[in-house]
């Protein structure tokens, strides 16, 4: 038996959005494309509507240049759907740790007038689920004046912090769109698999894992089949964990906090993943300000954080959010977990990158590109892994760091890096 829901037309629901308001839009797999398409058609009556979000997927509709006077997209993390708008100047980006975004909503630094969320249908008690994207959406819902729900039977019901009673929604619109998907395993080439294997060598049995987004974390998971008693406490998860859970490689029994549970704040993957977490009590999807809190993360022993980067200079400065001045992604949760893992008893913070870009440009560089953003400072970096090896930088001086990083650069790039090192440090 389902709770009786009262749905309204799209136009009626969107009438709650007015000029000069700030509107939160649910992200990742839950990007509410159905409502955004119709919101673009409301541009004629709206001006100066600020739209805030983290990673959004698919066609946003409202990000077109012709709508720039109606909608200003102010992103808290730049994903591919919004990248062009940000770099062309008709959208913007707020550098912020994922763990601190709820503070912006709670303390009225970015007060939310309207939240648009993409939720499951109500259960027999009237509760809808934020599904696989609890992250910052829970805080947006809790702090918004009005809540518009895109209600969808394809949204999985997840355990944790994502339950919202439908009586809290200002308006509910029904749709049956598929969630947005991503398949990171398709991008795993030989170099990525080599990196995954090297990172796996650093992971002890009974470790707790955080995996960033992309092909490398999936390659790491694919190399862990001989490990034992691993746990997961991560801001996001993807399909790679399913097989390890089914084989009892990941069982979470050795975790200090939330033992026997896979802890995440959002998931992004294929429909197989969304079906797997649907009503699965071994998963808990919790708010980002808890999951990504370094003080929480450090409570798990042998915490391993696995993240990637765009480039690293020879002193260990990590740029993860921009290519020079071009904004590519965001600060995200990398520093939350790098610091939490470093503070964990037996923890290991790891940056894993291919030695070169797809265009053959070295990712290990003498200096970062002008305008590049330092997401993880050289004081926070411990392990750097490429397909050519592992560099351990913690406690090393600048010259030692440079040597270690050059040793894992692409062989064809090492001579130029050695020359730069000599010019800077008068040695190699």
Protein backbone atom coordinates (compact mmCIF):
# COMPACT_ATOMS: atom_id res chain seq x y z
CA UNK A 1 0.00 0.00 0.00
CA UNK A 2 1.28 3.46 -0.91
CA UNK A 3 0.61 6.75 0.77
CA UNK A 4 -1.84 8.83 -1.33
CA UNK A 5 0.14 11.58 -3.03
CA UNK A 6 -1.28 14.77 -4.49
CA UNK A 7 0.54 15.84 -7.63
CA UNK A 8 0.28 19.19 -9.40
CA UNK A 9 1.15 20.38 -12.88
CA UNK A 10 4.70 21.41 -13.67
CA UNK A 11 3.57 25.00 -14.23
CA UNK A 12 1.85 25.12 -10.86
CA UNK A 13 4.91 23.68 -9.10
CA UNK A 14 7.33 26.08 -10.76
CA UNK A 15 5.12 29.08 -9.95
CA UNK A 16 6.75 29.04 -6.49
CA UNK A 17 10.00 30.20 -8.11
CA UNK A 18 10.14 33.98 -8.42
CA UNK A 19 12.68 36.54 -9.58
CA UNK A 20 15.62 37.35 -7.27
CA UNK A 21 15.37 34.04 -5.42
CA UNK A 22 18.09 31.46 -4.77
CA UNK A 23 17.14 27.96 -5.95
CA UNK A 24 18.91 24.73 -5.01
CA UNK A 25 18.95 22.00 -7.67
CA UNK A 26 19.55 18.36 -6.73
CA UNK A 27 22.65 16.90 -8.41
CA UNK A 28 24.51 13.83 -9.66
CA UNK A 29 22.22 10.92 -10.61
CA UNK A 30 19.26 12.93 -9.30
CA UNK A 31 19.65 16.02 -11.52
CA UNK A 32 15.95 16.86 -12.09
CA UNK A 33 16.13 17.25 -15.87
CA UNK A 34 12.36 16.91 -16.29
CA UNK A 35 11.67 20.01 -14.18
CA UNK A 36 14.68 21.92 -15.49
CA UNK A 37 13.40 21.60 -19.05
CA UNK A 38 10.15 23.28 -18.07
CA UNK A 39 11.92 25.81 -15.85
CA UNK A 40 13.77 27.05 -18.94
CA UNK A 41 10.37 27.80 -20.48
CA UNK A 42 9.62 30.06 -17.49
CA UNK A 43 12.60 32.29 -18.29
CA UNK A 44 10.33 34.94 -19.83
CA UNK A 45 8.86 35.81 -16.40
CA UNK A 46 12.01 35.42 -14.28
CA UNK A 47 15.11 37.54 -13.71
CA UNK A 48 18.16 37.16 -11.48
CA UNK A 49 17.32 33.67 -10.20
CA UNK A 50 20.48 32.24 -8.64
CA UNK A 51 20.79 28.47 -9.04
CA UNK A 52 23.14 26.57 -6.71
CA UNK A 53 24.17 22.93 -7.02
CA UNK A 54 27.08 20.52 -6.91
CA UNK A 55 27.75 18.01 -9.73
CA UNK A 56 24.89 18.07 -12.22
CA UNK A 57 24.40 15.69 -15.12
CA UNK A 58 22.63 15.76 -18.45
CA UNK A 59 21.14 18.76 -20.25
CA UNK A 60 20.45 21.54 -17.76
CA UNK A 61 18.42 23.64 -20.24
CA UNK A 62 18.66 26.76 -18.04
CA UNK A 63 22.43 27.12 -18.63
CA UNK A 64 22.08 28.50 -22.17
CA UNK A 65 23.51 31.99 -22.86
CA UNK A 66 20.09 33.28 -23.88
CA UNK A 67 18.84 32.65 -20.34
CA UNK A 68 21.68 34.42 -18.53
CA UNK A 69 19.47 37.34 -17.42
CA UNK A 70 16.90 34.92 -16.01
CA UNK A 71 19.18 32.34 -14.37
CA UNK A 72 22.62 32.75 -12.84
CA UNK A 73 24.19 29.37 -12.13
CA UNK A 74 26.46 29.59 -9.11
CA UNK A 75 27.99 26.13 -8.84
CA UNK A 76 29.59 24.63 -5.74
CA UNK A 77 31.32 21.99 -7.91
CA UNK A 78 31.78 22.26 -11.67
CA UNK A 79 30.83 19.11 -13.59
CA UNK A 80 30.89 18.62 -17.36
CA UNK A 81 27.30 19.83 -17.83
CA UNK A 82 28.21 23.24 -16.45
CA UNK A 83 31.87 23.57 -17.43
CA UNK A 84 31.36 25.60 -20.58
CA UNK A 85 28.96 28.04 -18.94
CA UNK A 86 31.40 28.70 -16.08
CA UNK A 87 34.39 29.22 -18.36
CA UNK A 88 32.44 31.36 -20.81
CA UNK A 89 31.52 33.67 -17.96
CA UNK A 90 27.74 33.30 -17.68
CA UNK A 91 27.94 30.94 -14.70
CA UNK A 92 30.20 30.98 -11.65
CA UNK A 93 31.92 28.73 -9.13
CA UNK A 94 32.24 28.84 -5.33
CA UNK A 95 35.41 27.13 -4.00
CA UNK A 96 34.34 25.24 -0.87
CA UNK A 97 34.93 21.92 0.86
CA UNK A 98 31.98 19.56 0.36
CA UNK A 99 31.81 19.04 4.12
CA UNK A 100 31.21 22.76 4.65
CA UNK A 101 28.47 23.41 2.06
CA UNK A 102 25.66 22.76 4.59
CA UNK A 103 27.14 25.56 6.71
CA UNK A 104 26.49 27.97 3.81
CA UNK A 105 22.81 27.01 3.90
CA UNK A 106 22.42 26.81 7.68
CA UNK A 107 24.12 30.12 8.48
CA UNK A 108 22.33 32.01 5.67
CA UNK A 109 25.56 32.67 3.80
CA UNK A 110 23.71 31.15 0.85
CA UNK A 111 20.10 31.11 2.10
CA UNK A 112 17.86 28.83 0.01
CA UNK A 113 14.45 30.09 -1.09
CA UNK A 114 13.43 27.05 -3.14
CA UNK A 115 14.88 23.53 -3.27
CA UNK A 116 14.17 21.28 -6.27
CA UNK A 117 14.77 17.65 -5.36
CA UNK A 118 14.31 14.35 -7.21
CA UNK A 119 12.83 11.73 -4.87
CA UNK A 120 11.21 8.31 -4.70
CA UNK A 121 7.46 7.83 -4.54
CA UNK A 122 5.99 7.96 -1.02
CA UNK A 123 5.86 4.72 0.97
CA UNK A 124 2.89 3.57 3.04
CA UNK A 125 3.85 6.09 5.72
CA UNK A 126 4.23 9.02 3.32
CA UNK A 127 8.03 9.08 3.29
CA UNK A 128 10.01 9.77 0.11
CA UNK A 129 13.73 9.07 -0.25
CA UNK A 130 16.52 11.27 -1.58
CA UNK A 131 17.82 8.01 -3.03
CA UNK A 132 21.48 7.90 -4.03
CA UNK A 133 22.11 11.63 -3.55
CA UNK A 134 21.70 12.61 0.11
CA UNK A 135 24.96 14.67 0.23
CA UNK A 136 24.06 18.38 0.45
CA UNK A 137 20.44 17.86 -0.63
CA UNK A 138 19.34 17.00 2.92
CA UNK A 139 20.62 20.34 4.20
CA UNK A 140 19.04 22.21 1.28
CA UNK A 141 15.67 20.63 2.06
CA UNK A 142 16.00 21.38 5.76
CA UNK A 143 16.78 25.05 5.13
CA UNK A 144 14.64 25.93 2.10
CA UNK A 145 11.45 27.99 2.40
CA UNK A 146 9.76 26.01 -0.36
CA UNK A 147 10.47 22.48 -1.62
CA UNK A 148 9.51 21.26 -5.09
CA UNK A 149 9.75 17.49 -5.49
CA UNK A 150 10.18 15.65 -8.78
CA UNK A 151 8.70 12.31 -7.69
CA UNK A 152 9.85 9.24 -9.60
CA UNK A 153 9.29 5.48 -9.10
CA UNK A 154 12.76 4.86 -10.60
CA UNK A 155 14.46 6.53 -7.62
CA UNK A 156 15.78 3.87 -5.20
CA UNK A 157 14.82 4.00 -1.55
CA UNK A 158 17.98 4.16 0.54
CA UNK A 159 18.57 3.89 4.26
CA UNK A 160 20.11 6.74 6.25
CA UNK A 161 19.46 10.47 6.26
CA UNK A 162 17.45 10.72 3.04
CA UNK A 163 13.86 10.19 4.23
CA UNK A 164 11.47 13.15 3.86
CA UNK A 165 7.73 13.07 4.55
CA UNK A 166 5.76 14.21 1.53
CA UNK A 167 3.79 16.67 3.69
CA UNK A 168 6.94 18.82 3.74
CA UNK A 169 6.85 19.36 -0.01
CA UNK A 170 5.33 22.56 -1.26
CA UNK A 171 4.56 20.88 -4.58
CA UNK A 172 5.00 17.40 -6.07
CA UNK A 173 5.36 16.62 -9.78
CA UNK A 174 5.29 13.06 -11.07
CA UNK A 175 7.70 11.73 -13.71
CA UNK A 176 9.20 8.40 -14.76
CA UNK A 177 12.61 9.49 -16.09
CA UNK A 178 15.60 7.20 -15.66
CA UNK A 179 18.29 8.44 -13.28
CA UNK A 180 21.50 9.77 -14.79
CA UNK A 181 24.19 7.10 -15.10
CA UNK A 182 27.95 6.79 -15.55
CA UNK A 183 30.16 3.80 -16.36
CA UNK A 184 33.70 4.42 -15.12
CA UNK A 185 34.98 0.91 -15.86
CA UNK A 186 34.73 1.59 -19.60
CA UNK A 187 37.59 4.08 -19.23
CA UNK A 188 40.02 1.64 -17.59
CA UNK A 189 42.97 1.22 -19.97
CA UNK A 190 46.29 -0.58 -19.29
CA UNK A 191 47.87 2.43 -17.53
CA UNK A 192 44.83 2.89 -15.30
CA UNK A 193 44.84 -0.80 -14.37
CA UNK A 194 48.56 -0.60 -13.55
CA UNK A 195 47.91 2.34 -11.24
CA UNK A 196 45.03 0.43 -9.65
CA UNK A 197 47.35 -2.49 -8.92
CA UNK A 198 50.02 -0.29 -7.35
CA UNK A 199 47.49 1.47 -5.13
CA UNK A 200 46.08 -1.90 -4.08
CA UNK A 201 49.57 -2.87 -2.86
CA UNK A 202 49.39 0.01 -0.38
CA UNK A 203 46.08 -1.16 1.07
CA UNK A 204 46.28 -3.50 4.06
CA UNK A 205 43.60 -5.99 5.01
CA UNK A 206 40.99 -4.48 7.39
CA UNK A 207 41.43 -1.01 5.86
CA UNK A 208 38.51 1.38 5.34
CA UNK A 209 38.32 2.95 1.89
CA UNK A 210 37.32 6.24 0.36
CA UNK A 211 37.29 6.34 -3.43
CA UNK A 212 37.05 9.50 -5.48
CA UNK A 213 35.24 9.66 -8.79
CA UNK A 214 36.51 8.22 -12.07
CA UNK A 215 38.30 5.32 -13.69
CA UNK A 216 41.26 5.05 -11.27
CA UNK A 217 39.16 4.36 -8.15
CA UNK A 218 37.28 1.69 -10.10
CA UNK A 219 40.63 0.20 -11.21
CA UNK A 220 41.75 0.09 -7.58
CA UNK A 221 38.58 -1.75 -6.59
CA UNK A 222 39.20 -4.20 -9.42
CA UNK A 223 42.60 -5.02 -7.90
CA UNK A 224 41.37 -5.80 -4.39
CA UNK A 225 39.85 -9.25 -4.88
CA UNK A 226 42.52 -10.96 -2.75
CA UNK A 227 42.13 -8.57 0.16
CA UNK A 228 40.18 -9.35 3.33
CA UNK A 229 37.75 -7.57 5.62
CA UNK A 230 37.74 -4.16 3.95
CA UNK A 231 35.33 -1.39 4.87
CA UNK A 232 33.92 1.62 3.05
CA UNK A 233 33.42 5.15 4.35
CA UNK A 234 33.30 7.37 1.28
CA UNK A 235 31.64 10.48 -0.08
CA UNK A 236 30.64 8.59 -3.23
CA UNK A 237 30.52 5.02 -4.50
CA UNK A 238 30.17 3.40 -7.90
CA UNK A 239 29.68 -0.06 -9.44
CA UNK A 240 33.17 -1.29 -8.50
CA UNK A 241 32.16 -2.07 -4.93
CA UNK A 242 29.36 -4.50 -5.86
CA UNK A 243 31.52 -7.51 -6.70
CA UNK A 244 33.73 -6.94 -3.65
CA UNK A 245 30.65 -6.89 -1.43
CA UNK A 246 29.30 -10.05 -3.01
CA UNK A 247 32.66 -11.79 -2.44
CA UNK A 248 32.83 -10.59 1.19
CA UNK A 249 36.06 -8.71 0.45
CA UNK A 250 34.18 -5.64 1.63
CA UNK A 251 32.20 -6.57 4.74
CA UNK A 252 32.76 -3.52 6.96
CA UNK A 253 33.15 -5.67 10.06
CA UNK A 254 36.42 -4.05 11.20
CA UNK A 255 35.26 -0.43 11.03
CA UNK A 256 35.29 1.61 14.22
CA UNK A 257 32.18 3.62 13.24
CA UNK A 258 29.16 2.18 11.45
CA UNK A 259 30.50 -1.38 11.51
CA UNK A 260 28.79 -3.76 9.06
CA UNK A 261 27.56 -0.80 6.98
CA UNK A 262 28.83 0.72 3.73
CA UNK A 263 28.75 4.47 4.38
CA UNK A 264 28.39 6.89 1.49
CA UNK A 265 26.84 10.27 0.83
CA UNK A 266 25.98 9.73 -2.83
CA UNK A 267 26.35 7.12 -5.56
CA UNK A 268 26.93 7.48 -9.27
CA UNK A 269 27.10 4.53 -11.64
CA UNK A 270 24.91 2.28 -13.73
CA UNK A 271 21.34 1.14 -13.14
CA UNK A 272 22.84 -2.05 -11.68
CA UNK A 273 24.27 0.02 -8.81
CA UNK A 274 21.02 1.86 -8.19
CA UNK A 275 19.11 -1.42 -8.11
CA UNK A 276 21.72 -2.90 -5.76
CA UNK A 277 21.40 -0.16 -3.13
CA UNK A 278 17.61 -0.01 -3.38
CA UNK A 279 16.25 -0.91 0.08
CA UNK A 280 19.62 -2.50 0.91
CA UNK A 281 20.10 -2.21 4.69
CA UNK A 282 23.85 -2.79 4.42
CA UNK A 283 24.17 0.72 2.88
CA UNK A 284 23.60 4.00 4.69
CA UNK A 285 23.54 7.27 2.76
CA UNK A 286 24.35 10.07 5.18
CA UNK A 287 24.72 13.86 5.07
CA UNK A 288 27.94 15.21 3.60
CA UNK A 289 28.84 17.33 6.65
CA UNK A 290 29.05 14.09 8.65
CA UNK A 291 30.53 11.68 6.09
CA UNK A 292 33.22 14.16 5.01
CA UNK A 293 34.08 15.52 8.45
CA UNK A 294 37.81 14.76 8.97
CA UNK A 295 37.17 14.21 12.69
CA UNK A 296 34.69 11.47 11.79
CA UNK A 297 36.85 9.99 9.03
CA UNK A 298 39.89 9.65 11.29
CA UNK A 299 37.97 7.49 13.76
CA UNK A 300 38.29 4.53 11.40
CA UNK A 301 41.70 2.87 11.66
CA UNK A 302 43.69 2.21 8.48
CA UNK A 303 41.63 4.80 6.60
CA UNK A 304 42.75 4.94 2.96
CA UNK A 305 41.76 7.93 0.82
CA UNK A 306 42.22 7.47 -2.94
CA UNK A 307 41.92 10.61 -5.04
CA UNK A 308 43.18 11.91 -8.37
CA UNK A 309 44.49 15.18 -9.74
CA UNK A 310 45.04 17.21 -12.88
CA UNK A 311 48.71 17.97 -12.21
CA UNK A 312 51.28 17.92 -9.42
CA UNK A 313 54.36 20.09 -9.20
CA UNK A 314 57.75 18.70 -8.17
CA UNK A 315 57.28 19.92 -4.58
CA UNK A 316 53.98 18.02 -4.21
CA UNK A 317 51.38 20.75 -4.71
CA UNK A 318 48.23 19.12 -6.08
CA UNK A 319 45.94 20.85 -8.56
CA UNK A 320 42.67 18.94 -8.85
CA UNK A 321 40.06 21.50 -9.90
CA UNK A 322 41.42 23.54 -12.80
CA UNK A 323 43.59 23.48 -15.90
CA UNK A 324 45.38 26.76 -15.42
CA UNK A 325 42.59 29.33 -15.23
CA UNK A 326 40.05 27.01 -16.86
CA UNK A 327 37.71 25.75 -14.16
CA UNK A 328 37.36 21.99 -14.60
CA UNK A 329 35.75 20.65 -11.42
CA UNK A 330 35.90 21.78 -7.80
CA UNK A 331 37.56 21.45 -4.41
CA UNK A 332 35.02 18.75 -3.54
CA UNK A 333 35.87 16.35 -0.74
CA UNK A 334 39.49 15.60 -1.58
CA UNK A 335 40.98 17.56 1.29
CA UNK A 336 38.32 16.32 3.72
CA UNK A 337 39.46 12.75 3.15
CA UNK A 338 43.16 13.39 2.60
CA UNK A 339 43.32 15.03 6.01
CA UNK A 340 41.04 12.50 7.68
CA UNK A 341 43.10 9.58 6.36
CA UNK A 342 46.37 11.21 7.42
CA UNK A 343 45.05 11.58 10.97
CA UNK A 344 43.72 8.00 11.10
CA UNK A 345 45.76 5.38 12.96
CA UNK A 346 47.54 3.56 10.13
CA UNK A 347 45.80 5.71 7.52
CA UNK A 348 47.11 6.45 4.02
CA UNK A 349 46.15 9.48 1.90
CA UNK A 350 46.89 8.67 -1.76
CA UNK A 351 46.91 10.76 -4.93
CA UNK A 352 46.82 8.51 -8.00
CA UNK A 353 47.30 9.89 -11.52
CA UNK A 354 48.50 8.77 -14.95
CA UNK A 355 51.96 10.16 -15.66
CA UNK A 356 50.67 11.92 -18.78
CA UNK A 357 47.44 13.35 -20.13
CA UNK A 358 45.75 11.76 -23.14
CA UNK A 359 47.57 14.39 -25.24
CA UNK A 360 50.96 13.23 -23.96
CA UNK A 361 51.59 16.14 -21.59
CA UNK A 362 53.29 15.37 -18.28
CA UNK A 363 51.07 15.62 -15.22
CA UNK A 364 54.15 15.98 -13.02
CA UNK A 365 55.41 19.48 -13.74
CA UNK A 366 58.13 21.90 -12.54
CA UNK A 367 55.49 24.46 -11.56
CA UNK A 368 51.71 24.46 -11.79
CA UNK A 369 50.12 26.31 -14.68
CA UNK A 370 49.40 30.01 -14.03
CA UNK A 371 45.99 30.24 -12.39
CA UNK A 372 45.92 26.60 -11.28
CA UNK A 373 44.15 25.98 -7.99
CA UNK A 374 45.97 24.12 -5.22
CA UNK A 375 43.39 21.78 -3.71
CA UNK A 376 45.73 19.62 -1.62
CA UNK A 377 48.79 21.39 -0.28
CA UNK A 378 52.25 19.82 -0.33
CA UNK A 379 52.07 19.58 3.46
CA UNK A 380 49.08 17.25 3.17
CA UNK A 381 50.42 14.89 0.49
CA UNK A 382 51.78 11.50 1.56
CA UNK A 383 51.60 9.05 -1.36
CA UNK A 384 51.60 9.82 -5.09
CA UNK A 385 51.11 6.92 -7.50
CA UNK A 386 51.51 6.74 -11.29
CA UNK A 387 51.84 3.71 -13.55
CA UNK A 388 55.63 4.00 -13.00
CA UNK A 389 55.62 3.61 -9.25
CA UNK A 390 54.92 5.06 -5.81
CA UNK A 391 56.43 8.24 -4.37
CA UNK A 392 56.23 8.76 -0.60
CA UNK A 393 56.56 12.46 0.17
CA UNK A 394 55.62 12.77 3.82
CA UNK A 395 58.50 14.17 5.88
CA UNK A 396 60.63 14.73 2.77
CA UNK A 397 62.28 18.06 1.93
CA UNK A 398 61.72 19.82 -1.38
CA UNK A 399 64.73 18.25 -3.09
CA UNK A 400 63.81 14.76 -1.92
CA UNK A 401 60.24 15.28 -3.08
CA UNK A 402 61.39 16.39 -6.50
CA UNK A 403 63.56 13.29 -6.89
CA UNK A 404 60.77 10.96 -5.79
CA UNK A 405 58.23 12.50 -8.15
CA UNK A 406 60.60 12.58 -11.13
CA UNK A 407 61.23 8.86 -10.59
CA UNK A 408 57.53 8.13 -11.21
CA UNK A 409 57.10 10.56 -14.12
CA UNK A 410 56.95 9.26 -17.69
CA UNK A 411 60.52 8.26 -18.73
CA UNK A 412 60.42 10.66 -21.68
CA UNK A 413 59.65 13.58 -19.36
CA UNK A 414 62.28 12.93 -16.69
CA UNK A 415 65.21 14.71 -18.36
CA UNK A 416 63.30 17.97 -18.67
CA UNK A 417 62.08 17.65 -15.08
CA UNK A 418 65.62 16.97 -13.86
CA UNK A 419 66.81 20.11 -15.64
CA UNK A 420 64.09 22.17 -13.97
CA UNK A 421 64.98 20.61 -10.65
CA UNK A 422 68.65 21.55 -11.10
CA UNK A 423 67.75 25.15 -12.03
CA UNK A 424 65.54 25.45 -8.96
CA UNK A 425 67.51 23.56 -6.34
CA UNK A 426 70.99 23.59 -7.88
CA UNK A 427 71.14 19.81 -7.68
CA UNK A 428 69.71 16.55 -8.82
